[in-house]
């Protein structure tokens, strides 16, 4: 078993499909696809590819740390204090533990994520 995992940005397997939890939905009817690529032995680190259609949801990280790299699309992330950031293909960012705000998918977005709990 190799300990090197190339990250497939267009995975060739069926993703898990979902929609926003009602308590987190702000506007629109975003649909999500998740291609889980790998998980650490103890389950606290996950990596994969995620896609969302347009809409706005509450984003609450809790104790999690998430690194994101946008592959395609356009999103606006707004912190609860009102500070807003626009991210497009090629951009990367980190959402630290305790982050609370909104995630607005303006154009269908696809990202690589690394989630650490």
C-alpha atoms as a PDB file:
ATOM      1  CA  UNK A   1       0.000   0.000   0.000  1.00  0.00           C
ATOM      2  CA  UNK A   2       1.426   3.356  -1.032  1.00  0.00           C
ATOM      3  CA  UNK A   3       1.679   6.191   1.463  1.00  0.00           C
ATOM      4  CA  UNK A   4       1.430   8.728  -1.371  1.00  0.00           C
ATOM      5  CA  UNK A   5      -2.057   9.700  -2.545  1.00  0.00           C
ATOM      6  CA  UNK A   6      -2.454  11.843  -5.653  1.00  0.00           C
ATOM      7  CA  UNK A   7      -5.530  14.057  -5.202  1.00  0.00           C
ATOM      8  CA  UNK A   8      -8.019  13.410  -7.999  1.00  0.00           C
ATOM      9  CA  UNK A   9      -9.845  16.660  -8.756  1.00  0.00           C
ATOM     10  CA  UNK A  10     -12.379  14.775 -10.908  1.00  0.00           C
ATOM     11  CA  UNK A  11     -12.852  11.514  -9.004  1.00  0.00           C
ATOM     12  CA  UNK A  12     -14.114   8.593 -11.070  1.00  0.00           C
ATOM     13  CA  UNK A  13     -16.545   7.245  -8.451  1.00  0.00           C
ATOM     14  CA  UNK A  14     -20.053   8.229  -7.413  1.00  0.00           C
ATOM     15  CA  UNK A  15     -20.156  11.041  -4.835  1.00  0.00           C
ATOM     16  CA  UNK A  16     -22.338  11.229  -1.747  1.00  0.00           C
ATOM     17  CA  UNK A  17     -25.134  13.684  -2.540  1.00  0.00           C
ATOM     18  CA  UNK A  18     -26.877  15.878   0.028  1.00  0.00           C
ATOM     19  CA  UNK A  19     -28.698  19.159   0.587  1.00  0.00           C
ATOM     20  CA  UNK A  20     -28.397  21.836   3.246  1.00  0.00           C
ATOM     21  CA  UNK A  21     -29.708  21.085   6.717  1.00  0.00           C
ATOM     22  CA  UNK A  22     -32.869  23.211   7.110  1.00  0.00           C
ATOM     23  CA  UNK A  23     -31.478  25.013  10.174  1.00  0.00           C
ATOM     24  CA  UNK A  24     -28.443  26.151   8.131  1.00  0.00           C
ATOM     25  CA  UNK A  25     -30.226  27.162   4.924  1.00  0.00           C
ATOM     26  CA  UNK A  26     -30.413  30.934   4.361  1.00  0.00           C
ATOM     27  CA  UNK A  27     -31.430  31.173   0.693  1.00  0.00           C
ATOM     28  CA  UNK A  28     -31.681  29.136  -2.491  1.00  0.00           C
ATOM     29  CA  UNK A  29     -31.655  25.363  -2.609  1.00  0.00           C
ATOM     30  CA  UNK A  30     -27.998  24.362  -2.804  1.00  0.00           C
ATOM     31  CA  UNK A  31     -27.156  20.733  -3.529  1.00  0.00           C
ATOM     32  CA  UNK A  32     -23.854  19.186  -2.488  1.00  0.00           C
ATOM     33  CA  UNK A  33     -21.643  16.381  -3.789  1.00  0.00           C
ATOM     34  CA  UNK A  34     -18.808  14.956  -1.726  1.00  0.00           C
ATOM     35  CA  UNK A  35     -16.085  12.663  -3.011  1.00  0.00           C
ATOM     36  CA  UNK A  36     -14.331  11.401   0.145  1.00  0.00           C
ATOM     37  CA  UNK A  37     -10.770  10.562  -0.914  1.00  0.00           C
ATOM     38  CA  UNK A  38      -9.130   9.546   2.347  1.00  0.00           C
ATOM     39  CA  UNK A  39      -9.492   9.561   6.129  1.00  0.00           C
ATOM     40  CA  UNK A  40      -6.805   9.275   8.787  1.00  0.00           C
ATOM     41  CA  UNK A  41      -6.613   6.133  10.875  1.00  0.00           C
ATOM     42  CA  UNK A  42      -8.327   7.784  13.857  1.00  0.00           C
ATOM     43  CA  UNK A  43     -10.866   9.595  11.632  1.00  0.00           C
ATOM     44  CA  UNK A  44     -10.005  13.144  12.701  1.00  0.00           C
ATOM     45  CA  UNK A  45      -8.495  14.151   9.318  1.00  0.00           C
ATOM     46  CA  UNK A  46     -10.508  13.895   6.102  1.00  0.00           C
ATOM     47  CA  UNK A  47      -9.638  14.946   2.562  1.00  0.00           C
ATOM     48  CA  UNK A  48     -11.796  15.055  -0.513  1.00  0.00           C
ATOM     49  CA  UNK A  49     -13.475  17.042  -3.228  1.00  0.00           C
ATOM     50  CA  UNK A  50     -16.732  18.908  -2.587  1.00  0.00           C
ATOM     51  CA  UNK A  51     -19.118  20.645  -4.955  1.00  0.00           C
ATOM     52  CA  UNK A  52     -22.051  22.973  -4.248  1.00  0.00           C
ATOM     53  CA  UNK A  53     -24.665  24.631  -6.438  1.00  0.00           C
ATOM     54  CA  UNK A  54     -25.721  28.255  -5.814  1.00  0.00           C
ATOM     55  CA  UNK A  55     -27.301  29.217  -2.503  1.00  0.00           C
ATOM     56  CA  UNK A  56     -26.388  30.580   0.920  1.00  0.00           C
ATOM     57  CA  UNK A  57     -25.904  28.606   4.128  1.00  0.00           C
ATOM     58  CA  UNK A  58     -24.638  29.176   7.665  1.00  0.00           C
ATOM     59  CA  UNK A  59     -21.085  27.916   8.101  1.00  0.00           C
ATOM     60  CA  UNK A  60     -20.146  26.775  11.595  1.00  0.00           C
ATOM     61  CA  UNK A  61     -16.757  25.104  12.108  1.00  0.00           C
ATOM     62  CA  UNK A  62     -17.027  24.309  15.805  1.00  0.00           C
ATOM     63  CA  UNK A  63     -13.688  22.779  16.849  1.00  0.00           C
ATOM     64  CA  UNK A  64     -12.755  21.859  13.266  1.00  0.00           C
ATOM     65  CA  UNK A  65     -10.000  23.358  11.118  1.00  0.00           C
ATOM     66  CA  UNK A  66     -10.584  23.319   7.342  1.00  0.00           C
ATOM     67  CA  UNK A  67      -8.240  24.094   4.464  1.00  0.00           C
ATOM     68  CA  UNK A  68      -9.955  24.742   1.110  1.00  0.00           C
ATOM     69  CA  UNK A  69      -8.584  25.133  -2.415  1.00  0.00           C
ATOM     70  CA  UNK A  70     -11.134  26.338  -4.979  1.00  0.00           C
ATOM     71  CA  UNK A  71     -10.940  24.411  -8.255  1.00  0.00           C
ATOM     72  CA  UNK A  72     -13.812  26.158 -10.024  1.00  0.00           C
ATOM     73  CA  UNK A  73     -16.680  28.543  -9.306  1.00  0.00           C
ATOM     74  CA  UNK A  74     -17.131  31.584  -7.104  1.00  0.00           C
ATOM     75  CA  UNK A  75     -18.032  31.913  -3.417  1.00  0.00           C
ATOM     76  CA  UNK A  76     -18.415  34.719  -0.898  1.00  0.00           C
ATOM     77  CA  UNK A  77     -17.666  33.895   2.724  1.00  0.00           C
ATOM     78  CA  UNK A  78     -18.807  36.421   5.301  1.00  0.00           C
ATOM     79  CA  UNK A  79     -17.778  36.319   8.940  1.00  0.00           C
ATOM     80  CA  UNK A  80     -20.352  37.139  11.620  1.00  0.00           C
ATOM     81  CA  UNK A  81     -18.658  40.521  12.136  1.00  0.00           C
ATOM     82  CA  UNK A  82     -19.524  41.401   8.519  1.00  0.00           C
ATOM     83  CA  UNK A  83     -16.069  41.005   6.955  1.00  0.00           C
ATOM     84  CA  UNK A  84     -16.528  39.397   3.544  1.00  0.00           C
ATOM     85  CA  UNK A  85     -14.144  37.542   1.216  1.00  0.00           C
ATOM     86  CA  UNK A  86     -14.606  36.484  -2.408  1.00  0.00           C
ATOM     87  CA  UNK A  87     -12.845  33.295  -3.558  1.00  0.00           C
ATOM     88  CA  UNK A  88     -12.518  31.950  -7.120  1.00  0.00           C
ATOM     89  CA  UNK A  89     -10.669  29.133  -8.924  1.00  0.00           C
ATOM     90  CA  UNK A  90      -7.045  28.998  -7.790  1.00  0.00           C
ATOM     91  CA  UNK A  91      -7.679  30.604  -4.384  1.00  0.00           C
ATOM     92  CA  UNK A  92      -7.002  28.826  -1.084  1.00  0.00           C
ATOM     93  CA  UNK A  93      -8.083  29.669   2.456  1.00  0.00           C
ATOM     94  CA  UNK A  94      -8.402  28.308   5.972  1.00  0.00           C
ATOM     95  CA  UNK A  95     -11.472  28.357   8.191  1.00  0.00           C
ATOM     96  CA  UNK A  96     -10.198  28.084  11.763  1.00  0.00           C
ATOM     97  CA  UNK A  97     -11.931  26.463  14.741  1.00  0.00           C
ATOM     98  CA  UNK A  98     -14.696  28.706  16.030  1.00  0.00           C
ATOM     99  CA  UNK A  99     -15.460  30.242  12.621  1.00  0.00           C
ATOM    100  CA  UNK A 100     -19.126  31.235  12.235  1.00  0.00           C
ATOM    101  CA  UNK A 101     -20.478  33.014   9.190  1.00  0.00           C
ATOM    102  CA  UNK A 102     -22.168  32.470   5.843  1.00  0.00           C
ATOM    103  CA  UNK A 103     -21.088  30.596   2.726  1.00  0.00           C
ATOM    104  CA  UNK A 104     -22.674  31.978  -0.439  1.00  0.00           C
ATOM    105  CA  UNK A 105     -22.100  29.945  -3.578  1.00  0.00           C
ATOM    106  CA  UNK A 106     -22.459  32.467  -6.404  1.00  0.00           C
ATOM    107  CA  UNK A 107     -21.400  30.097  -9.202  1.00  0.00           C
ATOM    108  CA  UNK A 108     -21.310  26.321  -8.723  1.00  0.00           C
ATOM    109  CA  UNK A 109     -18.127  25.709  -6.773  1.00  0.00           C
ATOM    110  CA  UNK A 110     -15.794  22.740  -6.548  1.00  0.00           C
ATOM    111  CA  UNK A 111     -13.039  22.575  -3.943  1.00  0.00           C
ATOM    112  CA  UNK A 112     -10.451  20.302  -2.436  1.00  0.00           C
ATOM    113  CA  UNK A 113     -10.839  20.182   1.334  1.00  0.00           C
ATOM    114  CA  UNK A 114      -8.731  19.001   4.236  1.00  0.00           C
ATOM    115  CA  UNK A 115     -10.812  18.832   7.399  1.00  0.00           C
ATOM    116  CA  UNK A 116      -9.132  18.352  10.805  1.00  0.00           C
ATOM    117  CA  UNK A 117     -11.132  17.819  13.990  1.00  0.00           C
END
